[in-house]
Amino acid sequence: MRHFKNIGYKRPLLLVLCFFLCLPLWANNNYDSYNKATCDSIIHKGIKSSEKGNYIKALEYFTVAREMAVKEKWDQEIYSVLFNMGFAYYSMFDDGEALKYFLDAYNIAITQKWTVNELECLNNIANLYTREKMYDKAIEYYTKSSEKAVEENIESHIGLPLMNLGYIYNRLDQPEKARPYLQQSIKLLENDFLLSAKVLLLENDLLLGDVLKARKGAWDMYNEEPNVSENGLEMFLWIIISKTYFKENQYAQAVSYAQRALNSGSDPEYKKMIFKLMADIYEKSGSYHNALRYKDSIFEAERKLNERKNGRMFENNRVKFEIQNYKNQLYAKEEKLSAERKTFYAIIVIICAVVVILVLIFRQKKIIAERNRNITELNLEKEKNHNLELEREVTKALLEQERLNDEIEAKNRKLSAKALYLSDRNEIIEEIVAYLSKRPKLAKDQTLANHVSSLKAYLRADKEWDNFIKHFEEVNQGFLSRLKEQHPDLTVNDIRFIAYIYMNLSVKEIATILNITIVAAKKRKERLAAKMEISKEVDIYAYISGV
């Protein structure tokens, strides 16, 4: 009779998104950016594959989910993966691997103080020891599971380990110890597990020697429970009924129900158990030929079991190899992705460094430009102030020059007035001399004649000219020097005539000052223009003013 496993239930998971850096380089990669929901989805696919008997595919899903969960340190997902991997290996009869994963899951449950998960692990570890017929260890873990459930008051996890303890004590032919566990479990279990506990209690009645009660209970259960056949319990009911007839030495009936049990089950392990029952019945009934035949069937069943175990062993090793190969591929892929990440991050760092450098350069350029702009503005302001200062100085100079020009002009006007005064004086003197010369009577007067001679001498004297030149040089500094430098062939009389022209005196006024005729003055002016090589189109006064 088989023992009963506990798959355990999945706790509700909080779907908290935990994003990595989403980068285009790994946009299509399943392992670079994921969250708990993705991991849970992969675990669910693994469980579905395991339920369909596709354990290799299930283990592949669990391996992928485990890599993700370990990497992100998601304890709930790690536990779920380990527990379900243990169950997958359990279903593949690789009890060693199953025990390893159940123990790992058990340690996580203890560390995280997940009591329900701890109970699930304890019960499944005990199941492994039960299948290996290590009943002492199985009893230890079932007991620990039930006591923990009672201590934590988790009724849903009390009945199953109690039922399994009853199952073990039935196997050990200790029905007195088994019965209290089975009776307690019936009060706590429901559905399929409740039916299994009832079957075990009927087996316990048989072991205690209450044959009629066991047989009646088996028939009542077969007739009243519609799910007996669907749950595979029908075979165990026929075995119980067969054993009751065997104990009453009703060998034909015993063989008949044993045959029914044989027809109800196909598992070699159960067939081996039924073959042994039939061999015992035939041996006790004296039908040694049939007894030997069924003993041969026992050997055949054992051979098939060994073949199945060997096949399972080969299959398990193949699965382990494929899982390891798959892990190696994941590791190689992760290494490649890690190298790509390093390269990508190096590029990002370089780009960031370049951007920072460019920002610093542009910032420095901006600072320099701002500084240069400020300097330029300061220079412009300085230049503007300098220009204003120059303008003020120029204005001041112009004003000074204008003042000097006005002063020169005033002095020239004084010189002109003086020259005109001399001209008028000379004219008066000439008129007086002419008048006196025309009067013979006056000419005979010696004193008067001496005065006339003095006046004529005065007209010829150059003393006044010397004084004029002195004052002219004071007013028009450098003019005569520049004139002599440009026209070194000019005579003193030429310079005298030019000075009067420079003072803008008319030809008539000049003629009077020089005591010559106007015609002579005009001709002299023309000769000077020719001598100085002044074009006829140019006025001599304009030329002299520019010297």
Protein backbone atom coordinates (compact mmCIF):
# COMPACT_ATOMS: atom_id res chain seq x y z
CA MET A 1 0.00 0.00 0.00
CA ARG A 2 1.38 3.41 -0.94
CA HIS A 3 2.02 6.30 1.50
CA PHE A 4 0.69 9.77 0.82
CA LYS A 5 2.68 12.83 -0.19
CA ASN A 6 2.01 16.50 0.44
CA ILE A 7 2.68 18.90 -2.40
CA GLY A 8 1.97 21.96 -0.19
CA TYR A 9 0.22 25.12 -1.13
CA LYS A 10 1.62 28.27 -2.64
CA ARG A 11 1.32 31.40 -0.56
CA PRO A 12 0.03 34.59 -2.20
CA LEU A 13 2.94 36.68 -3.45
CA LEU A 14 3.14 40.45 -3.42
CA LEU A 15 3.92 41.47 -7.00
CA VAL A 16 6.57 44.09 -6.29
CA LEU A 17 8.31 45.23 -9.48
CA CYS A 18 12.05 45.26 -9.08
CA PHE A 19 13.51 46.70 -12.26
CA PHE A 20 17.14 46.63 -13.34
CA LEU A 21 18.54 49.22 -15.76
CA CYS A 22 16.67 48.58 -19.03
CA LEU A 23 19.23 48.90 -21.74
CA PRO A 24 18.79 48.43 -25.48
CA LEU A 25 21.81 46.12 -25.50
CA TRP A 26 19.81 43.49 -23.59
CA ALA A 27 16.29 44.44 -24.63
CA ASN A 28 15.49 40.85 -25.73
CA ASN A 29 17.28 39.11 -22.87
CA ASN A 30 15.17 37.24 -20.32
CA TYR A 31 17.65 37.58 -17.47
CA ASP A 32 18.69 41.18 -17.56
CA SER A 33 15.43 42.79 -16.60
CA TYR A 34 12.80 40.80 -14.67
CA ASN A 35 10.64 40.94 -11.59
CA LYS A 36 9.02 38.62 -9.08
CA ALA A 37 5.96 38.19 -11.27
CA THR A 38 8.17 36.83 -14.06
CA CYS A 39 9.90 34.46 -11.66
CA ASP A 40 6.57 33.23 -10.23
CA SER A 41 5.28 32.67 -13.75
CA ILE A 42 8.27 30.45 -14.57
CA ILE A 43 7.78 28.49 -11.33
CA HIS A 44 4.10 27.99 -12.21
CA LYS A 45 5.08 26.63 -15.64
CA GLY A 46 7.46 24.22 -13.92
CA ILE A 47 4.70 22.97 -11.60
CA LYS A 48 2.35 22.44 -14.56
CA SER A 49 5.03 20.46 -16.42
CA SER A 50 5.68 18.37 -13.29
CA GLU A 51 1.96 17.58 -12.93
CA LYS A 52 1.98 16.34 -16.54
CA GLY A 53 4.97 14.07 -15.79
CA ASN A 54 7.38 16.15 -17.90
CA TYR A 55 9.95 16.41 -15.13
CA ILE A 56 12.88 17.39 -17.36
CA LYS A 57 11.03 20.44 -18.64
CA ALA A 58 9.85 21.18 -15.11
CA LEU A 59 13.41 21.09 -13.79
CA GLU A 60 14.54 23.42 -16.59
CA TYR A 61 11.91 25.95 -15.55
CA PHE A 62 12.86 25.56 -11.89
CA THR A 63 16.57 26.01 -12.72
CA VAL A 64 15.90 29.27 -14.56
CA ALA A 65 13.65 30.53 -11.76
CA ARG A 66 16.24 29.54 -9.17
CA GLU A 67 18.98 31.52 -10.93
CA MET A 68 16.72 34.56 -11.00
CA ALA A 69 15.59 34.19 -7.37
CA VAL A 70 19.11 33.59 -6.01
CA LYS A 71 20.46 36.55 -7.97
CA GLU A 72 17.75 38.85 -6.58
CA LYS A 73 17.69 37.17 -3.12
CA TRP A 74 13.96 36.45 -3.25
CA ASP A 75 13.63 33.95 -0.36
CA GLN A 76 10.00 32.99 -1.04
CA GLU A 77 10.78 32.16 -4.67
CA ILE A 78 13.96 30.27 -3.69
CA TYR A 79 11.95 28.17 -1.25
CA SER A 80 9.24 27.44 -3.82
CA VAL A 81 11.82 26.38 -6.42
CA LEU A 82 13.71 24.09 -4.01
CA PHE A 83 10.52 22.48 -2.71
CA ASN A 84 9.16 21.78 -6.19
CA MET A 85 12.52 20.50 -7.44
CA GLY A 86 12.52 18.11 -4.47
CA PHE A 87 9.05 16.92 -5.40
CA ALA A 88 10.09 16.46 -9.06
CA TYR A 89 13.03 14.25 -8.05
CA TYR A 90 10.75 12.42 -5.60
CA SER A 91 8.39 11.65 -8.48
CA MET A 92 11.38 10.41 -10.50
CA PHE A 93 12.33 8.07 -7.60
CA ASP A 94 15.64 9.91 -7.11
CA ASP A 95 15.23 10.02 -3.35
CA GLY A 96 18.78 11.27 -2.70
CA GLU A 97 18.34 14.40 -4.82
CA ALA A 98 14.80 14.89 -3.52
CA LEU A 99 16.04 14.76 0.09
CA LYS A 100 18.77 17.31 -0.70
CA TYR A 101 16.30 19.85 -2.09
CA PHE A 102 13.70 19.26 0.64
CA LEU A 103 16.36 19.84 3.30
CA ASP A 104 17.51 23.07 1.60
CA ALA A 105 13.89 24.26 1.46
CA TYR A 106 13.43 23.20 5.10
CA ASN A 107 16.43 25.30 6.19
CA ILE A 108 15.02 28.39 4.44
CA ALA A 109 11.62 27.83 6.07
CA ILE A 110 13.25 27.64 9.52
CA THR A 111 15.41 30.72 8.88
CA GLN A 112 12.44 32.76 7.69
CA LYS A 113 10.15 31.26 10.39
CA TRP A 114 7.61 30.06 7.84
CA THR A 115 5.90 27.45 10.00
CA VAL A 116 3.51 26.06 7.36
CA ASN A 117 6.35 25.62 4.86
CA GLU A 118 8.44 23.98 7.57
CA LEU A 119 5.64 21.43 8.18
CA GLU A 120 5.36 20.70 4.45
CA CYS A 121 9.10 19.98 4.24
CA LEU A 122 9.07 17.77 7.35
CA ASN A 123 6.20 15.69 5.99
CA ASN A 124 7.83 15.20 2.57
CA ILE A 125 11.22 14.33 4.09
CA ALA A 126 9.43 11.71 6.18
CA ASN A 127 7.75 10.40 2.99
CA LEU A 128 11.21 9.83 1.47
CA TYR A 129 12.39 7.85 4.49
CA THR A 130 9.16 5.85 4.40
CA ARG A 131 9.69 4.85 0.75
CA GLU A 132 13.25 3.82 1.57
CA LYS A 133 11.80 1.80 4.50
CA MET A 134 13.87 3.84 6.95
CA TYR A 135 10.92 3.83 9.32
CA ASP A 136 12.76 5.13 12.39
CA LYS A 137 13.74 8.36 10.56
CA ALA A 138 10.27 8.59 9.01
CA ILE A 139 8.62 8.30 12.45
CA GLU A 140 10.99 11.00 13.77
CA TYR A 141 10.03 13.52 11.06
CA TYR A 142 6.29 12.69 11.06
CA THR A 143 6.26 13.11 14.85
CA LYS A 144 8.16 16.40 14.64
CA SER A 145 5.70 17.63 11.98
CA SER A 146 2.58 16.72 13.97
CA GLU A 147 3.94 18.12 17.25
CA LYS A 148 4.93 21.40 15.54
CA ALA A 149 1.46 21.68 13.98
CA VAL A 150 -0.19 21.08 17.37
CA GLU A 151 2.15 23.59 19.04
CA GLU A 152 1.35 26.25 16.44
CA ASN A 153 -2.36 25.20 16.37
CA ILE A 154 -2.35 24.57 12.61
CA GLU A 155 -5.11 21.93 12.37
CA SER A 156 -4.85 21.57 8.60
CA HIS A 157 -1.35 20.08 9.02
CA ILE A 158 -1.97 17.80 12.01
CA GLY A 159 -3.99 14.97 10.44
CA LEU A 160 -1.65 13.99 7.57
CA PRO A 161 1.48 13.14 9.63
CA LEU A 162 -0.74 11.27 12.13
CA MET A 163 -2.18 9.17 9.28
CA ASN A 164 1.32 8.44 7.96
CA LEU A 165 2.47 7.40 11.44
CA GLY A 166 -0.45 4.94 11.53
CA TYR A 167 0.59 3.69 8.08
CA ILE A 168 4.18 3.01 9.28
CA TYR A 169 3.10 1.19 12.43
CA ASN A 170 0.76 -0.97 10.30
CA ARG A 171 3.79 -1.80 8.12
CA LEU A 172 5.78 -2.66 11.25
CA ASP A 173 2.91 -4.92 12.37
CA GLN A 174 2.27 -2.79 15.44
CA PRO A 175 -1.47 -2.17 15.02
CA GLU A 176 -1.93 -1.16 18.67
CA LYS A 177 0.42 1.81 18.16
CA ALA A 178 -1.04 2.59 14.76
CA ARG A 179 -4.70 2.72 15.82
CA PRO A 180 -4.72 5.94 17.93
CA TYR A 181 -2.90 7.84 15.19
CA LEU A 182 -5.38 6.66 12.56
CA GLN A 183 -8.41 7.42 14.73
CA GLN A 184 -7.12 10.94 15.42
CA SER A 185 -6.31 11.58 11.75
CA ILE A 186 -9.84 10.62 10.64
CA LYS A 187 -11.21 13.43 12.81
CA LEU A 188 -8.90 15.97 11.15
CA LEU A 189 -8.71 14.88 7.51
CA GLU A 190 -11.14 15.32 4.65
CA ASN A 191 -11.65 14.33 1.01
CA ASP A 192 -9.03 11.93 -0.44
CA PHE A 193 -6.83 11.84 2.66
CA LEU A 194 -9.87 10.94 4.77
CA LEU A 195 -10.63 7.95 2.50
CA SER A 196 -6.99 6.82 2.75
CA ALA A 197 -7.12 7.03 6.55
CA LYS A 198 -10.32 4.93 6.59
CA VAL A 199 -8.66 2.26 4.41
CA LEU A 200 -5.67 2.20 6.79
CA LEU A 201 -8.04 1.86 9.76
CA LEU A 202 -9.72 -1.17 8.06
CA GLU A 203 -6.24 -2.63 7.55
CA ASN A 204 -5.61 -2.00 11.25
CA ASP A 205 -8.82 -3.91 12.14
CA LEU A 206 -7.49 -6.81 10.11
CA LEU A 207 -4.09 -6.71 11.82
CA LEU A 208 -5.83 -6.67 15.22
CA GLY A 209 -7.71 -9.84 14.19
CA ASP A 210 -11.18 -8.35 13.75
CA VAL A 211 -11.70 -10.06 10.39
CA LEU A 212 -15.45 -9.57 10.05
CA LYS A 213 -15.28 -5.90 10.94
CA ALA A 214 -12.52 -5.35 8.43
CA ARG A 215 -14.39 -7.19 5.64
CA LYS A 216 -17.70 -5.51 6.36
CA GLY A 217 -16.07 -2.11 6.54
CA ALA A 218 -14.31 -2.72 3.20
CA TRP A 219 -17.58 -3.69 1.49
CA ASP A 220 -19.45 -0.76 3.02
CA MET A 221 -16.77 1.63 1.87
CA TYR A 222 -16.73 0.16 -1.61
CA ASN A 223 -20.51 0.46 -1.92
CA GLU A 224 -20.96 3.83 -0.20
CA GLU A 225 -17.95 5.85 -1.30
CA PRO A 226 -18.20 6.79 -5.01
CA ASN A 227 -14.60 8.07 -5.20
CA VAL A 228 -12.91 4.87 -4.10
CA SER A 229 -12.24 3.63 -7.64
CA GLU A 230 -11.14 7.04 -8.90
CA ASN A 231 -8.61 7.43 -6.07
CA GLY A 232 -7.04 4.00 -6.62
CA LEU A 233 -8.22 2.71 -3.24
CA GLU A 234 -10.36 -0.09 -4.70
CA MET A 235 -7.29 -2.36 -4.98
CA PHE A 236 -6.53 -2.00 -1.26
CA LEU A 237 -10.14 -2.85 -0.37
CA TRP A 238 -9.93 -6.10 -2.40
CA ILE A 239 -6.62 -6.91 -0.70
CA ILE A 240 -8.19 -6.41 2.74
CA ILE A 241 -11.20 -8.59 1.80
CA SER A 242 -8.86 -11.25 0.34
CA LYS A 243 -6.77 -11.30 3.54
CA THR A 244 -9.91 -11.68 5.70
CA TYR A 245 -10.90 -14.82 3.74
CA PHE A 246 -7.30 -16.03 3.88
CA LYS A 247 -7.35 -15.79 7.68
CA GLU A 248 -10.60 -17.82 7.67
CA ASN A 249 -8.94 -20.40 5.40
CA GLN A 250 -11.46 -19.67 2.63
CA TYR A 251 -8.76 -19.95 0.00
CA ALA A 252 -10.98 -19.81 -3.09
CA GLN A 253 -12.57 -16.56 -1.96
CA ALA A 254 -9.19 -15.23 -0.93
CA VAL A 255 -7.73 -15.97 -4.39
CA SER A 256 -10.79 -14.50 -6.12
CA TYR A 257 -10.48 -11.12 -4.36
CA ALA A 258 -6.72 -11.15 -4.68
CA GLN A 259 -7.23 -11.56 -8.41
CA ARG A 260 -9.60 -8.58 -8.37
CA ALA A 261 -6.92 -6.58 -6.62
CA LEU A 262 -4.40 -7.69 -9.22
CA ASN A 263 -6.68 -6.56 -12.02
CA SER A 264 -7.23 -3.19 -10.31
CA GLY A 265 -3.57 -2.19 -10.10
CA SER A 266 -0.77 -1.98 -12.65
CA ASP A 267 2.16 -0.77 -10.57
CA PRO A 268 4.87 -3.50 -10.31
CA GLU A 269 5.41 -2.77 -6.61
CA TYR A 270 1.73 -3.38 -5.80
CA LYS A 271 1.63 -6.40 -8.09
CA LYS A 272 4.60 -7.84 -6.23
CA MET A 273 2.65 -7.44 -2.96
CA ILE A 274 -0.41 -9.17 -4.47
CA PHE A 275 1.71 -11.95 -6.01
CA LYS A 276 3.16 -12.66 -2.55
CA LEU A 277 -0.37 -12.78 -1.07
CA MET A 278 -1.51 -15.24 -3.75
CA ALA A 279 1.65 -17.35 -3.34
CA ASP A 280 0.99 -17.55 0.41
CA ILE A 281 -2.66 -18.51 -0.19
CA TYR A 282 -1.77 -21.27 -2.66
CA GLU A 283 1.07 -22.52 -0.49
CA LYS A 284 -1.17 -22.79 2.57
CA SER A 285 -3.95 -24.38 0.52
CA GLY A 286 -1.48 -27.00 -0.73
CA SER A 287 -1.46 -25.85 -4.35
CA TYR A 288 2.33 -25.71 -4.57
CA HIS A 289 2.39 -25.52 -8.32
CA ASN A 290 0.40 -22.28 -8.30
CA ALA A 291 2.41 -21.09 -5.32
CA LEU A 292 5.65 -21.58 -7.29
CA ARG A 293 4.11 -19.87 -10.30
CA TYR A 294 3.27 -16.78 -8.26
CA LYS A 295 6.68 -16.87 -6.61
CA ASP A 296 8.09 -16.70 -10.13
CA SER A 297 5.76 -13.79 -10.73
CA ILE A 298 7.24 -12.16 -7.64
CA PHE A 299 10.72 -12.50 -9.15
CA GLU A 300 9.42 -11.11 -12.44
CA ALA A 301 7.85 -8.17 -10.61
CA GLU A 302 11.14 -7.60 -8.77
CA ARG A 303 12.98 -7.72 -12.11
CA LYS A 304 10.61 -5.12 -13.53
CA LEU A 305 11.01 -3.02 -10.42
CA ASN A 306 14.79 -3.22 -10.79
CA GLU A 307 14.51 -2.35 -14.46
CA ARG A 308 12.33 0.56 -13.56
CA LYS A 309 14.78 1.64 -10.89
CA ASN A 310 17.69 1.28 -13.31
CA GLY A 311 15.73 3.13 -15.95
CA ARG A 312 14.84 5.77 -13.43
CA MET A 313 18.48 5.97 -12.38
CA PHE A 314 19.60 6.42 -15.98
CA GLU A 315 16.81 8.93 -16.57
CA ASN A 316 17.72 10.78 -13.40
CA ASN A 317 21.39 10.92 -14.37
CA ARG A 318 20.43 12.11 -17.83
CA VAL A 319 18.22 14.78 -16.30
CA LYS A 320 21.03 15.80 -13.97
CA PHE A 321 23.41 16.02 -16.92
CA GLU A 322 20.96 18.10 -18.93
CA ILE A 323 20.23 20.33 -15.95
CA GLN A 324 23.95 20.80 -15.33
CA ASN A 325 24.48 21.50 -19.01
CA TYR A 326 21.62 23.98 -18.89
CA LYS A 327 23.18 25.60 -15.82
CA ASN A 328 26.49 25.82 -17.66
CA GLN A 329 24.75 27.50 -20.58
CA LEU A 330 23.08 29.94 -18.21
CA TYR A 331 26.42 30.59 -16.53
CA ALA A 332 28.15 31.15 -19.88
CA LYS A 333 25.33 33.42 -20.97
CA GLU A 334 25.51 35.30 -17.68
CA GLU A 335 29.29 35.66 -18.08
CA LYS A 336 28.80 37.00 -21.58
CA LEU A 337 26.12 39.39 -20.37
CA SER A 338 28.38 40.44 -17.51
CA ALA A 339 31.17 41.21 -19.97
CA GLU A 340 28.72 43.09 -22.18
CA ARG A 341 27.46 45.00 -19.16
CA LYS A 342 31.01 45.92 -18.17
CA THR A 343 31.71 47.06 -21.71
CA PHE A 344 28.46 48.98 -21.85
CA TYR A 345 29.01 50.58 -18.46
CA ALA A 346 32.57 51.43 -19.48
CA ILE A 347 31.17 53.13 -22.58
CA ILE A 348 28.58 54.91 -20.42
CA VAL A 349 31.34 56.02 -18.03
CA ILE A 350 33.45 57.23 -20.95
CA ILE A 351 30.47 59.04 -22.46
CA CYS A 352 29.66 60.58 -19.08
CA ALA A 353 33.30 61.56 -18.65
CA VAL A 354 33.34 63.09 -22.13
CA VAL A 355 30.06 64.89 -21.41
CA VAL A 356 31.44 66.15 -18.10
CA ILE A 357 34.65 67.25 -19.80
CA LEU A 358 32.67 68.96 -22.56
CA VAL A 359 30.43 70.61 -19.99
CA LEU A 360 33.50 71.76 -18.08
CA ILE A 361 35.11 72.96 -21.32
CA PHE A 362 31.97 74.82 -22.38
CA ARG A 363 31.62 76.16 -18.85
CA GLN A 364 35.24 77.26 -18.88
CA LYS A 365 34.78 78.77 -22.32
CA LYS A 366 31.67 80.52 -21.07
CA ILE A 367 33.58 81.81 -18.05
CA ILE A 368 36.45 82.93 -20.31
CA ALA A 369 34.00 84.48 -22.75
CA GLU A 370 32.23 86.20 -19.86
CA ARG A 371 35.55 87.35 -18.52
CA ASN A 372 36.65 88.52 -21.98
CA ARG A 373 33.33 90.25 -22.42
CA ASN A 374 33.78 91.95 -19.07
CA ILE A 375 37.34 92.87 -20.00
CA THR A 376 36.15 94.10 -23.39
CA GLU A 377 33.41 96.09 -21.72
CA LEU A 378 35.93 97.48 -19.27
CA ASN A 379 38.31 98.26 -22.12
CA LEU A 380 35.50 99.84 -24.08
CA GLU A 381 34.48 101.80 -21.02
CA LYS A 382 38.09 102.75 -20.46
CA GLU A 383 38.50 103.64 -24.12
CA LYS A 384 35.24 105.55 -24.00
CA ASN A 385 36.44 107.44 -20.96
CA HIS A 386 39.78 107.95 -22.67
CA ASN A 387 38.03 109.20 -25.79
CA LEU A 388 35.90 111.48 -23.66
CA GLU A 389 39.06 112.71 -22.00
CA LEU A 390 40.65 113.18 -25.42
CA GLU A 391 37.54 114.92 -26.62
CA ARG A 392 37.70 117.16 -23.59
CA GLU A 393 41.38 117.78 -24.23
CA VAL A 394 40.74 118.35 -27.95
CA THR A 395 37.86 120.65 -27.08
CA LYS A 396 40.10 122.38 -24.60
CA ALA A 397 42.87 122.57 -27.21
CA LEU A 398 40.44 123.83 -29.82
CA LEU A 399 39.16 126.39 -27.38
CA GLU A 400 42.73 127.33 -26.57
CA GLN A 401 43.57 127.42 -30.28
CA GLU A 402 40.48 129.47 -30.93
CA ARG A 403 41.48 131.77 -28.09
CA LEU A 404 44.97 132.04 -29.52
CA ASN A 405 43.58 132.58 -33.01
CA ASP A 406 41.31 135.25 -31.62
CA GLU A 407 44.29 136.73 -29.82
CA ILE A 408 46.40 136.54 -32.99
CA GLU A 409 43.56 138.00 -34.97
CA ALA A 410 43.21 140.77 -32.42
CA LYS A 411 46.93 141.47 -32.53
CA ASN A 412 46.85 141.27 -36.34
CA ARG A 413 44.02 143.77 -36.24
CA LYS A 414 46.19 145.97 -34.04
CA LEU A 415 49.08 145.51 -36.48
CA SER A 416 46.76 146.24 -39.38
CA ALA A 417 45.47 149.30 -37.57
CA LYS A 418 49.01 150.39 -36.90
CA ALA A 419 49.96 149.74 -40.50
CA LEU A 420 46.94 151.72 -41.64
CA TYR A 421 47.87 154.40 -39.18
CA LEU A 422 51.34 154.53 -40.70
CA SER A 423 49.79 154.56 -44.14
CA ASP A 424 47.52 157.45 -43.21
CA ARG A 425 50.37 159.23 -41.52
CA ASN A 426 52.61 158.88 -44.56
CA GLU A 427 49.81 160.11 -46.80
CA ILE A 428 49.37 163.15 -44.59
CA ILE A 429 53.13 163.75 -44.54
CA GLU A 430 53.28 163.42 -48.34
CA GLU A 431 50.38 165.78 -48.73
CA ILE A 432 52.06 168.28 -46.40
CA VAL A 433 55.40 167.93 -48.19
CA ALA A 434 53.69 168.32 -51.58
CA TYR A 435 51.76 171.31 -50.38
CA LEU A 436 54.82 172.98 -48.97
CA SER A 437 56.86 172.20 -52.04
CA LYS A 438 54.33 173.99 -54.21
CA ARG A 439 54.61 177.17 -52.16
CA PRO A 440 57.78 179.05 -53.18
CA LYS A 441 57.40 181.48 -50.43
CA LEU A 442 57.38 178.80 -47.87
CA ALA A 443 60.29 177.04 -49.52
CA LYS A 444 62.51 180.05 -48.89
CA ASP A 445 61.91 179.73 -45.21
CA GLN A 446 64.99 177.80 -44.08
CA THR A 447 63.44 176.45 -40.91
CA LEU A 448 60.42 175.19 -42.75
CA ALA A 449 62.66 173.73 -45.45
CA ASN A 450 64.55 171.81 -42.79
CA HIS A 451 61.32 170.41 -41.41
CA VAL A 452 60.22 169.35 -44.89
CA SER A 453 63.55 167.59 -45.39
CA SER A 454 63.08 165.85 -42.05
CA LEU A 455 59.61 164.69 -43.07
CA LYS A 456 60.94 163.32 -46.36
CA ALA A 457 63.71 161.53 -44.48
CA TYR A 458 61.17 160.11 -42.08
CA LEU A 459 59.22 158.66 -44.98
CA ARG A 460 62.36 156.83 -46.13
CA ALA A 461 63.33 155.53 -42.66
CA ASP A 462 62.80 151.69 -41.85
CA LYS A 463 62.72 151.98 -38.07
CA GLU A 464 59.00 151.62 -38.01
CA TRP A 465 59.29 148.54 -40.20
CA ASP A 466 61.66 146.92 -37.79
CA ASN A 467 59.22 147.48 -34.97
CA PHE A 468 56.43 146.11 -37.15
CA ILE A 469 58.35 142.96 -37.97
CA LYS A 470 59.10 142.41 -34.29
CA HIS A 471 55.44 142.64 -33.37
CA PHE A 472 54.43 140.53 -36.40
CA GLU A 473 56.77 137.70 -35.33
CA GLU A 474 55.36 137.78 -31.82
CA VAL A 475 51.82 137.42 -33.16
CA ASN A 476 52.51 134.98 -36.00
CA GLN A 477 55.26 132.84 -34.57
CA GLY A 478 57.22 130.86 -37.14
CA PHE A 479 55.37 132.24 -40.17
CA LEU A 480 58.31 134.22 -41.57
CA SER A 481 60.70 131.32 -40.84
CA ARG A 482 58.46 128.84 -42.68
CA LEU A 483 58.07 131.31 -45.55
CA LYS A 484 61.84 131.78 -45.87
CA GLU A 485 62.34 127.99 -45.65
CA GLN A 486 59.89 127.32 -48.50
CA HIS A 487 60.99 130.32 -50.56
CA PRO A 488 64.62 131.09 -49.71
CA ASP A 489 65.02 133.46 -52.73
CA LEU A 490 62.62 136.07 -51.29
CA THR A 491 64.15 139.46 -50.44
CA VAL A 492 63.46 141.62 -47.42
CA ASN A 493 61.17 143.84 -49.45
CA ASP A 494 59.35 140.74 -50.77
CA ILE A 495 58.83 139.48 -47.24
CA ARG A 496 57.61 142.90 -46.15
CA PHE A 497 55.10 142.99 -48.99
CA ILE A 498 53.95 139.41 -48.22
CA ALA A 499 53.51 140.29 -44.54
CA TYR A 500 51.11 143.04 -45.48
CA ILE A 501 49.23 140.62 -47.77
CA TYR A 502 49.09 138.06 -44.87
CA MET A 503 47.48 140.79 -42.76
CA ASN A 504 44.82 140.98 -45.51
CA LEU A 505 45.60 144.63 -46.40
CA SER A 506 44.41 145.91 -49.75
CA VAL A 507 46.79 146.84 -52.58
CA LYS A 508 45.99 150.50 -52.01
CA GLU A 509 46.80 150.26 -48.32
CA ILE A 510 50.05 148.43 -49.06
CA ALA A 511 51.00 151.05 -51.70
CA THR A 512 50.46 153.83 -49.20
CA ILE A 513 52.52 152.09 -46.50
CA LEU A 514 55.35 151.42 -48.95
CA ASN A 515 55.10 154.91 -50.46
CA ILE A 516 54.52 153.51 -53.98
CA THR A 517 51.76 153.76 -56.49
CA ILE A 518 48.87 151.37 -56.61
CA VAL A 519 49.90 150.18 -60.07
CA ALA A 520 53.39 149.49 -58.77
CA ALA A 521 51.89 147.58 -55.83
CA LYS A 522 49.74 145.42 -58.15
CA LYS A 523 52.71 144.64 -60.42
CA ARG A 524 54.83 143.82 -57.42
CA LYS A 525 52.10 141.44 -56.18
CA GLU A 526 52.04 139.71 -59.59
CA ARG A 527 55.85 139.41 -59.63
CA LEU A 528 55.79 137.84 -56.15
CA ALA A 529 53.15 135.27 -57.25
CA ALA A 530 55.30 134.36 -60.24
CA LYS A 531 58.47 134.27 -58.12
CA MET A 532 56.76 131.96 -55.59
CA GLU A 533 55.38 129.85 -58.49
CA ILE A 534 51.79 130.31 -57.39
CA SER A 535 49.21 129.29 -60.00
CA LYS A 536 47.03 132.02 -61.38
CA GLU A 537 43.96 130.08 -60.28
CA VAL A 538 45.15 130.29 -56.64
CA ASP A 539 44.74 133.49 -54.67
CA ILE A 540 48.09 134.63 -53.19
CA TYR A 541 46.41 135.42 -49.85
CA ALA A 542 44.95 131.87 -49.62
CA TYR A 543 48.35 130.40 -50.41
CA ILE A 544 50.19 132.53 -47.85
CA SER A 545 47.58 131.71 -45.18
CA GLY A 546 48.36 128.01 -45.66
CA VAL A 547 52.09 128.35 -45.08
